[in-house]
Amino acid sequence: MWHAGIVEFTASEARHAAQVLRLAAGGRVEIFDGTGRAAQVELEEVGKRGVTARVLREWHEVRPEPAIHLIVALIKNERFDWLVQKATELGAASIRPVAAERSVVRLEGKDAEKRRARWQQAAVEAAKQCGHLVLPQIFPVSKPAEAFRSAAEGVKGIAAVRAGGCTLGKFLGAGAAAVTFAIGPEGDWTPEETGQAVAAGFAAVDLGRHVLRSETAALHVLSAAGHVLHGGVGGER
């Protein structure tokens, strides 16, 4: 909790500060809330009851525009965890995991929510590591058609091995308030799923001659879009 110049750490962050980092009262650390707000704070109390701190100075980071969104078909768990980490580092505004017809992983109900919590924690850790103050929004697992319909207004592209379409460079040159990429499973989107995307306003995007693994394709489009649209990862210095 962060208000009126005072910060109260969450239970997990308090345990990490006290038991792992071995911080003590009087120490100074930098914190962020995931929305672009950050501060340098001085610890006032570090103990079993929790950790509280006093804000010394604040600053904000604004996500560069246009925002870059990902719709990604589920892949094997550890690889999707890694994808979330790297997509956070590369500045993805949101990640929508989808249960595609050819996804080898199936997540439903409580299992899906537990996995989503794990992805959210992976995003937090990645943001801490790279100094990125704005976390991506990670949506619940959905069906492709729902994800396509719910995509942000703007330029939307679906990368499919057999769909053809314009090159990534031409696609990024179109300009928009937001950019969304849909990345399928390694078995590719089905023709029906590709049709659903096209009906929702997605254009086919050709990523090149080589067939990429799903996580590689996702990071490829994020990196390329970040440089073309923002001048670098997270925007120019």
C-alpha atoms as a PDB file:
ATOM      1  CA  MET A   1       0.000   0.000   0.000  1.00  0.00           C
ATOM      2  CA  TRP A   2       1.341   3.408  -0.997  1.00  0.00           C
ATOM      3  CA  HIS A   3      -0.276   6.634   0.181  1.00  0.00           C
ATOM      4  CA  ALA A   4       0.538  10.003   1.788  1.00  0.00           C
ATOM      5  CA  GLY A   5       4.271   9.407   1.571  1.00  0.00           C
ATOM      6  CA  ILE A   6       4.135   6.098   3.461  1.00  0.00           C
ATOM      7  CA  VAL A   7       4.584   2.632   1.941  1.00  0.00           C
ATOM      8  CA  GLU A   8       3.464  -0.642   3.502  1.00  0.00           C
ATOM      9  CA  PHE A   9       5.010  -3.673   1.807  1.00  0.00           C
ATOM     10  CA  THR A  10       2.902  -6.669   0.833  1.00  0.00           C
ATOM     11  CA  ALA A  11       3.428  -9.802   2.905  1.00  0.00           C
ATOM     12  CA  SER A  12       5.580 -11.482   0.240  1.00  0.00           C
ATOM     13  CA  GLU A  13       7.677  -8.363  -0.382  1.00  0.00           C
ATOM     14  CA  ALA A  14       8.087  -7.841   3.365  1.00  0.00           C
ATOM     15  CA  ARG A  15       9.377 -11.401   3.811  1.00  0.00           C
ATOM     16  CA  HIS A  16      11.755 -10.922   0.894  1.00  0.00           C
ATOM     17  CA  ALA A  17      13.060  -7.634   2.316  1.00  0.00           C
ATOM     18  CA  ALA A  18      13.525  -8.959   5.845  1.00  0.00           C
ATOM     19  CA  GLN A  19      14.594 -12.567   5.286  1.00  0.00           C
ATOM     20  CA  VAL A  20      16.321 -12.583   1.891  1.00  0.00           C
ATOM     21  CA  LEU A  21      17.724  -9.091   1.460  1.00  0.00           C
ATOM     22  CA  ARG A  22      18.303  -8.692   5.222  1.00  0.00           C
ATOM     23  CA  LEU A  23      17.267  -5.053   5.117  1.00  0.00           C
ATOM     24  CA  ALA A  24      17.070  -3.011   8.312  1.00  0.00           C
ATOM     25  CA  ALA A  25      15.450   0.193   9.482  1.00  0.00           C
ATOM     26  CA  GLY A  26      17.251   3.214   8.063  1.00  0.00           C
ATOM     27  CA  GLY A  27      18.150   1.480   4.814  1.00  0.00           C
ATOM     28  CA  ARG A  28      17.154   3.002   1.492  1.00  0.00           C
ATOM     29  CA  VAL A  29      15.716   1.116  -1.482  1.00  0.00           C
ATOM     30  CA  GLU A  30      13.881   1.851  -4.719  1.00  0.00           C
ATOM     31  CA  ILE A  31      10.372   0.486  -5.241  1.00  0.00           C
ATOM     32  CA  PHE A  32       7.746   0.544  -7.999  1.00  0.00           C
ATOM     33  CA  ASP A  33       4.042  -0.297  -8.217  1.00  0.00           C
ATOM     34  CA  GLY A  34       3.860  -1.686 -11.766  1.00  0.00           C
ATOM     35  CA  THR A  35       1.887   1.247 -13.198  1.00  0.00           C
ATOM     36  CA  GLY A  36       4.909   3.459 -13.913  1.00  0.00           C
ATOM     37  CA  ARG A  37       5.181   4.960 -10.420  1.00  0.00           C
ATOM     38  CA  ALA A  38       8.487   4.551  -8.580  1.00  0.00           C
ATOM     39  CA  ALA A  39      10.137   5.961  -5.475  1.00  0.00           C
ATOM     40  CA  GLN A  40      13.223   5.941  -3.323  1.00  0.00           C
ATOM     41  CA  VAL A  41      12.185   5.122   0.234  1.00  0.00           C
ATOM     42  CA  GLU A  42      13.765   4.909   3.663  1.00  0.00           C
ATOM     43  CA  LEU A  43      12.782   1.894   5.723  1.00  0.00           C
ATOM     44  CA  GLU A  44      11.212   2.771   9.053  1.00  0.00           C
ATOM     45  CA  GLU A  45      10.189  -0.632  10.370  1.00  0.00           C
ATOM     46  CA  VAL A  46      11.414  -4.060   9.311  1.00  0.00           C
ATOM     47  CA  GLY A  47      10.106  -6.944  11.340  1.00  0.00           C
ATOM     48  CA  LYS A  48       7.677  -9.801  11.745  1.00  0.00           C
ATOM     49  CA  ARG A  49       4.723  -7.425  11.616  1.00  0.00           C
ATOM     50  CA  GLY A  50       5.777  -6.205   8.195  1.00  0.00           C
ATOM     51  CA  VAL A  51       7.813  -3.498   6.528  1.00  0.00           C
ATOM     52  CA  THR A  52       6.934   0.191   6.326  1.00  0.00           C
ATOM     53  CA  ALA A  53       8.906   2.941   4.631  1.00  0.00           C
ATOM     54  CA  ARG A  54       8.881   6.693   4.091  1.00  0.00           C
ATOM     55  CA  VAL A  55       8.982   8.086   0.550  1.00  0.00           C
ATOM     56  CA  LEU A  56      11.977  10.332  -0.096  1.00  0.00           C
ATOM     57  CA  ARG A  57      11.348  11.081  -3.773  1.00  0.00           C
ATOM     58  CA  GLU A  58       9.055   9.851  -6.556  1.00  0.00           C
ATOM     59  CA  TRP A  59       9.218   9.607 -10.337  1.00  0.00           C
ATOM     60  CA  HIS A  60       7.119   8.171 -13.137  1.00  0.00           C
ATOM     61  CA  GLU A  61       7.687   6.239 -16.332  1.00  0.00           C
ATOM     62  CA  VAL A  62       5.206   6.476 -19.193  1.00  0.00           C
ATOM     63  CA  ARG A  63       4.880   3.535 -21.551  1.00  0.00           C
ATOM     64  CA  PRO A  64       5.903   4.664 -25.065  1.00  0.00           C
ATOM     65  CA  GLU A  65       3.223   4.777 -27.733  1.00  0.00           C
ATOM     66  CA  PRO A  66       1.915   3.021 -29.653  1.00  0.00           C
ATOM     67  CA  ALA A  67       1.396   0.234 -27.135  1.00  0.00           C
ATOM     68  CA  ILE A  68       2.429  -3.207 -28.371  1.00  0.00           C
ATOM     69  CA  HIS A  69       0.174  -6.116 -27.405  1.00  0.00           C
ATOM     70  CA  LEU A  70       0.631  -9.872 -27.710  1.00  0.00           C
ATOM     71  CA  ILE A  71      -1.878 -12.644 -28.225  1.00  0.00           C
ATOM     72  CA  VAL A  72       0.037 -15.900 -27.778  1.00  0.00           C
ATOM     73  CA  ALA A  73      -1.086 -19.506 -28.014  1.00  0.00           C
ATOM     74  CA  LEU A  74      -0.209 -21.664 -25.016  1.00  0.00           C
ATOM     75  CA  ILE A  75       3.040 -23.595 -25.276  1.00  0.00           C
ATOM     76  CA  LYS A  76       4.871 -25.806 -22.764  1.00  0.00           C
ATOM     77  CA  ASN A  77       4.782 -24.276 -19.299  1.00  0.00           C
ATOM     78  CA  GLU A  78       8.437 -23.429 -18.740  1.00  0.00           C
ATOM     79  CA  ARG A  79       8.709 -21.903 -22.216  1.00  0.00           C
ATOM     80  CA  PHE A  80       5.638 -19.734 -21.690  1.00  0.00           C
ATOM     81  CA  ASP A  81       7.069 -18.578 -18.337  1.00  0.00           C
ATOM     82  CA  TRP A  82      10.252 -17.588 -20.160  1.00  0.00           C
ATOM     83  CA  LEU A  83       8.237 -15.839 -22.868  1.00  0.00           C
ATOM     84  CA  VAL A  84       6.440 -13.728 -20.247  1.00  0.00           C
ATOM     85  CA  GLN A  85       9.742 -12.715 -18.671  1.00  0.00           C
ATOM     86  CA  LYS A  86      11.277 -11.630 -21.952  1.00  0.00           C
ATOM     87  CA  ALA A  87       8.104  -9.972 -23.250  1.00  0.00           C
ATOM     88  CA  THR A  88       8.083  -7.873 -20.076  1.00  0.00           C
ATOM     89  CA  GLU A  89      11.693  -6.842 -20.655  1.00  0.00           C
ATOM     90  CA  LEU A  90      10.841  -5.887 -24.250  1.00  0.00           C
ATOM     91  CA  GLY A  91       7.943  -3.695 -23.179  1.00  0.00           C
ATOM     92  CA  ALA A  92       4.794  -5.642 -24.079  1.00  0.00           C
ATOM     93  CA  ALA A  93       1.725  -3.717 -22.920  1.00  0.00           C
ATOM     94  CA  SER A  94      -0.350  -6.869 -22.538  1.00  0.00           C
ATOM     95  CA  ILE A  95      -0.180 -10.623 -23.010  1.00  0.00           C
ATOM     96  CA  ARG A  96      -3.300 -12.643 -23.859  1.00  0.00           C
ATOM     97  CA  PRO A  97      -2.667 -16.401 -23.560  1.00  0.00           C
ATOM     98  CA  VAL A  98      -5.014 -18.447 -25.721  1.00  0.00           C
ATOM     99  CA  ALA A  99      -5.893 -22.120 -25.843  1.00  0.00           C
ATOM    100  CA  ALA A 100      -5.510 -22.710 -29.566  1.00  0.00           C
ATOM    101  CA  GLU A 101      -6.755 -25.876 -31.225  1.00  0.00           C
ATOM    102  CA  ARG A 102      -3.183 -27.119 -31.729  1.00  0.00           C
ATOM    103  CA  SER A 103      -1.794 -26.015 -28.354  1.00  0.00           C
ATOM    104  CA  VAL A 104      -0.201 -28.953 -26.571  1.00  0.00           C
ATOM    105  CA  VAL A 105      -0.951 -27.391 -23.151  1.00  0.00           C
ATOM    106  CA  ARG A 106      -4.487 -27.252 -21.764  1.00  0.00           C
ATOM    107  CA  LEU A 107      -5.254 -24.930 -18.865  1.00  0.00           C
ATOM    108  CA  GLU A 108      -8.695 -24.492 -17.329  1.00  0.00           C
ATOM    109  CA  GLY A 109     -10.279 -23.345 -14.073  1.00  0.00           C
ATOM    110  CA  LYS A 110      -8.049 -23.206 -11.005  1.00  0.00           C
ATOM    111  CA  ASP A 111      -5.038 -24.499 -12.917  1.00  0.00           C
ATOM    112  CA  ALA A 112      -5.314 -21.601 -15.348  1.00  0.00           C
ATOM    113  CA  GLU A 113      -5.583 -19.042 -12.531  1.00  0.00           C
ATOM    114  CA  LYS A 114      -2.587 -20.534 -10.698  1.00  0.00           C
ATOM    115  CA  ARG A 115      -0.556 -20.368 -13.894  1.00  0.00           C
ATOM    116  CA  ARG A 116      -1.659 -16.779 -14.496  1.00  0.00           C
ATOM    117  CA  ALA A 117      -0.489 -15.817 -10.982  1.00  0.00           C
ATOM    118  CA  ARG A 118       2.846 -17.427 -11.782  1.00  0.00           C
ATOM    119  CA  TRP A 119       3.095 -15.421 -15.018  1.00  0.00           C
ATOM    120  CA  GLN A 120       2.289 -12.212 -13.145  1.00  0.00           C
ATOM    121  CA  GLN A 121       5.061 -12.929 -10.649  1.00  0.00           C
ATOM    122  CA  ALA A 122       7.452 -13.698 -13.517  1.00  0.00           C
ATOM    123  CA  ALA A 123       6.608 -10.303 -15.006  1.00  0.00           C
ATOM    124  CA  VAL A 124       7.314  -8.567 -11.686  1.00  0.00           C
ATOM    125  CA  GLU A 125      10.697 -10.258 -11.358  1.00  0.00           C
ATOM    126  CA  ALA A 126      11.608  -9.414 -14.953  1.00  0.00           C
ATOM    127  CA  ALA A 127      10.607  -5.773 -14.460  1.00  0.00           C
ATOM    128  CA  LYS A 128      12.773  -5.543 -11.343  1.00  0.00           C
ATOM    129  CA  GLN A 129      15.735  -6.997 -13.197  1.00  0.00           C
ATOM    130  CA  CYS A 130      15.566  -4.662 -16.186  1.00  0.00           C
ATOM    131  CA  GLY A 131      14.341  -1.476 -14.511  1.00  0.00           C
ATOM    132  CA  HIS A 132      11.016  -1.434 -16.353  1.00  0.00           C
ATOM    133  CA  LEU A 133       8.380   0.308 -14.221  1.00  0.00           C
ATOM    134  CA  VAL A 134       5.221  -0.575 -16.188  1.00  0.00           C
ATOM    135  CA  LEU A 135       4.055  -4.183 -16.013  1.00  0.00           C
ATOM    136  CA  PRO A 136       2.176  -5.845 -18.871  1.00  0.00           C
ATOM    137  CA  GLN A 137      -1.455  -6.726 -18.273  1.00  0.00           C
ATOM    138  CA  ILE A 138      -1.731 -10.506 -18.317  1.00  0.00           C
ATOM    139  CA  PHE A 139      -5.219 -11.660 -19.252  1.00  0.00           C
ATOM    140  CA  PRO A 140      -6.899 -14.934 -18.276  1.00  0.00           C
ATOM    141  CA  VAL A 141      -6.572 -17.819 -20.727  1.00  0.00           C
ATOM    142  CA  SER A 142      -9.235 -17.541 -23.431  1.00  0.00           C
ATOM    143  CA  LYS A 143     -10.222 -19.029 -26.771  1.00  0.00           C
ATOM    144  CA  PRO A 144      -8.615 -17.468 -29.875  1.00  0.00           C
ATOM    145  CA  ALA A 145     -11.873 -16.020 -31.224  1.00  0.00           C
ATOM    146  CA  GLU A 146     -12.515 -14.177 -27.949  1.00  0.00           C
ATOM    147  CA  ALA A 147      -8.952 -12.830 -27.859  1.00  0.00           C
ATOM    148  CA  PHE A 148      -9.154 -11.629 -31.464  1.00  0.00           C
ATOM    149  CA  ARG A 149     -12.450  -9.826 -30.800  1.00  0.00           C
ATOM    150  CA  SER A 150     -11.070  -8.226 -27.624  1.00  0.00           C
ATOM    151  CA  ALA A 151      -7.835  -6.932 -29.185  1.00  0.00           C
ATOM    152  CA  ALA A 152      -7.059  -3.227 -28.810  1.00  0.00           C
ATOM    153  CA  GLU A 153      -8.130  -0.898 -31.586  1.00  0.00           C
ATOM    154  CA  GLY A 154      -5.285  -0.220 -34.008  1.00  0.00           C
ATOM    155  CA  VAL A 155      -3.071  -2.213 -36.338  1.00  0.00           C
ATOM    156  CA  LYS A 156      -3.494  -5.968 -35.839  1.00  0.00           C
ATOM    157  CA  GLY A 157      -1.448  -8.735 -37.404  1.00  0.00           C
ATOM    158  CA  ILE A 158      -1.519 -12.525 -37.227  1.00  0.00           C
ATOM    159  CA  ALA A 159       1.716 -14.378 -37.878  1.00  0.00           C
ATOM    160  CA  ALA A 160       0.940 -17.695 -39.516  1.00  0.00           C
ATOM    161  CA  VAL A 161       3.336 -19.978 -41.348  1.00  0.00           C
ATOM    162  CA  ARG A 162       0.992 -20.654 -44.262  1.00  0.00           C
ATOM    163  CA  ALA A 163      -1.019 -17.428 -44.321  1.00  0.00           C
ATOM    164  CA  GLY A 164       1.344 -15.352 -46.449  1.00  0.00           C
ATOM    165  CA  GLY A 165       0.713 -11.633 -46.078  1.00  0.00           C
ATOM    166  CA  CYS A 166       2.850  -8.510 -45.935  1.00  0.00           C
ATOM    167  CA  THR A 167       6.325  -8.372 -44.451  1.00  0.00           C
ATOM    168  CA  LEU A 168       6.861  -7.270 -40.862  1.00  0.00           C
ATOM    169  CA  GLY A 169       8.558  -4.078 -42.029  1.00  0.00           C
ATOM    170  CA  LYS A 170       5.588  -3.016 -44.162  1.00  0.00           C
ATOM    171  CA  PHE A 171       3.158  -3.943 -41.398  1.00  0.00           C
ATOM    172  CA  LEU A 172       4.967  -1.768 -38.856  1.00  0.00           C
ATOM    173  CA  GLY A 173       5.059   1.117 -41.275  1.00  0.00           C
ATOM    174  CA  ALA A 174       1.286   1.446 -41.230  1.00  0.00           C
ATOM    175  CA  GLY A 175       1.112   3.542 -38.027  1.00  0.00           C
ATOM    176  CA  ALA A 176      -1.599   3.236 -35.340  1.00  0.00           C
ATOM    177  CA  ALA A 177      -2.508   4.072 -31.756  1.00  0.00           C
ATOM    178  CA  ALA A 178      -1.765   0.443 -30.796  1.00  0.00           C
ATOM    179  CA  VAL A 179      -0.235  -2.636 -32.406  1.00  0.00           C
ATOM    180  CA  THR A 180      -1.314  -6.221 -31.690  1.00  0.00           C
ATOM    181  CA  PHE A 181       0.455  -9.378 -32.804  1.00  0.00           C
ATOM    182  CA  ALA A 182      -1.147 -12.827 -32.666  1.00  0.00           C
ATOM    183  CA  ILE A 183       1.378 -15.669 -32.406  1.00  0.00           C
ATOM    184  CA  GLY A 184       0.161 -19.231 -32.840  1.00  0.00           C
ATOM    185  CA  PRO A 185       1.302 -22.586 -31.454  1.00  0.00           C
ATOM    186  CA  GLU A 186       4.076 -24.538 -33.126  1.00  0.00           C
ATOM    187  CA  GLY A 187       1.501 -26.495 -35.090  1.00  0.00           C
ATOM    188  CA  ASP A 188       0.330 -23.105 -36.429  1.00  0.00           C
ATOM    189  CA  TRP A 189      -3.149 -21.622 -36.269  1.00  0.00           C
ATOM    190  CA  THR A 190      -5.876 -23.693 -37.896  1.00  0.00           C
ATOM    191  CA  PRO A 191      -7.547 -22.237 -41.008  1.00  0.00           C
ATOM    192  CA  GLU A 192     -10.653 -21.600 -38.882  1.00  0.00           C
ATOM    193  CA  GLU A 193      -8.646 -19.623 -36.308  1.00  0.00           C
ATOM    194  CA  THR A 194      -6.929 -17.607 -39.023  1.00  0.00           C
ATOM    195  CA  GLY A 195     -10.351 -16.844 -40.477  1.00  0.00           C
ATOM    196  CA  GLN A 196     -11.576 -15.688 -37.061  1.00  0.00           C
ATOM    197  CA  ALA A 197      -8.618 -13.333 -36.794  1.00  0.00           C
ATOM    198  CA  VAL A 198      -9.184 -11.891 -40.271  1.00  0.00           C
ATOM    199  CA  ALA A 199     -12.870 -11.368 -39.431  1.00  0.00           C
ATOM    200  CA  ALA A 200     -11.743  -9.405 -36.344  1.00  0.00           C
ATOM    201  CA  GLY A 201      -9.575  -7.096 -38.450  1.00  0.00           C
ATOM    202  CA  PHE A 202      -6.221  -8.891 -38.341  1.00  0.00           C
ATOM    203  CA  ALA A 203      -3.944  -8.870 -41.376  1.00  0.00           C
ATOM    204  CA  ALA A 204      -1.604 -11.739 -42.207  1.00  0.00           C
ATOM    205  CA  VAL A 205       2.053 -10.959 -41.446  1.00  0.00           C
ATOM    206  CA  ASP A 206       4.966 -12.885 -42.947  1.00  0.00           C
ATOM    207  CA  LEU A 207       7.913 -13.124 -40.525  1.00  0.00           C
ATOM    208  CA  GLY A 208      10.320 -14.449 -43.149  1.00  0.00           C
ATOM    209  CA  ARG A 209      11.701 -17.626 -44.643  1.00  0.00           C
ATOM    210  CA  HIS A 210      12.525 -19.479 -41.425  1.00  0.00           C
ATOM    211  CA  VAL A 211       9.887 -21.219 -39.316  1.00  0.00           C
ATOM    212  CA  LEU A 212      10.257 -19.860 -35.766  1.00  0.00           C
ATOM    213  CA  ARG A 213       9.256 -21.407 -32.477  1.00  0.00           C
ATOM    214  CA  SER A 214       6.339 -19.596 -30.888  1.00  0.00           C
ATOM    215  CA  GLU A 215       8.354 -17.849 -28.178  1.00  0.00           C
ATOM    216  CA  THR A 216      10.993 -16.814 -30.719  1.00  0.00           C
ATOM    217  CA  ALA A 217       8.365 -15.332 -33.028  1.00  0.00           C
ATOM    218  CA  ALA A 218       6.771 -13.404 -30.161  1.00  0.00           C
ATOM    219  CA  LEU A 219      10.056 -11.863 -29.067  1.00  0.00           C
ATOM    220  CA  HIS A 220      11.064 -11.175 -32.666  1.00  0.00           C
ATOM    221  CA  VAL A 221       7.976  -9.051 -33.339  1.00  0.00           C
ATOM    222  CA  LEU A 222       8.240  -7.266 -29.975  1.00  0.00           C
ATOM    223  CA  SER A 223      11.879  -6.388 -30.527  1.00  0.00           C
ATOM    224  CA  ALA A 224      11.346  -5.244 -34.113  1.00  0.00           C
ATOM    225  CA  ALA A 225       8.295  -3.186 -33.177  1.00  0.00           C
ATOM    226  CA  GLY A 226      10.078  -1.603 -30.224  1.00  0.00           C
ATOM    227  CA  HIS A 227      12.918  -0.378 -32.418  1.00  0.00           C
ATOM    228  CA  VAL A 228      10.783   0.742 -35.355  1.00  0.00           C
ATOM    229  CA  LEU A 229       8.022   2.411 -33.338  1.00  0.00           C
ATOM    230  CA  HIS A 230       9.823   3.552 -30.169  1.00  0.00           C
ATOM    231  CA  GLY A 231      13.434   3.965 -31.211  1.00  0.00           C
ATOM    232  CA  GLY A 232      14.579   1.229 -28.852  1.00  0.00           C
ATOM    233  CA  VAL A 233      13.402  -1.044 -26.047  1.00  0.00           C
ATOM    234  CA  GLY A 234      11.237   1.061 -23.748  1.00  0.00           C
ATOM    235  CA  GLY A 235      11.738   4.122 -25.931  1.00  0.00           C
ATOM    236  CA  GLU A 236      14.742   6.359 -26.499  1.00  0.00           C
ATOM    237  CA  ARG A 237      16.899   7.400 -23.531  1.00  0.00           C
END
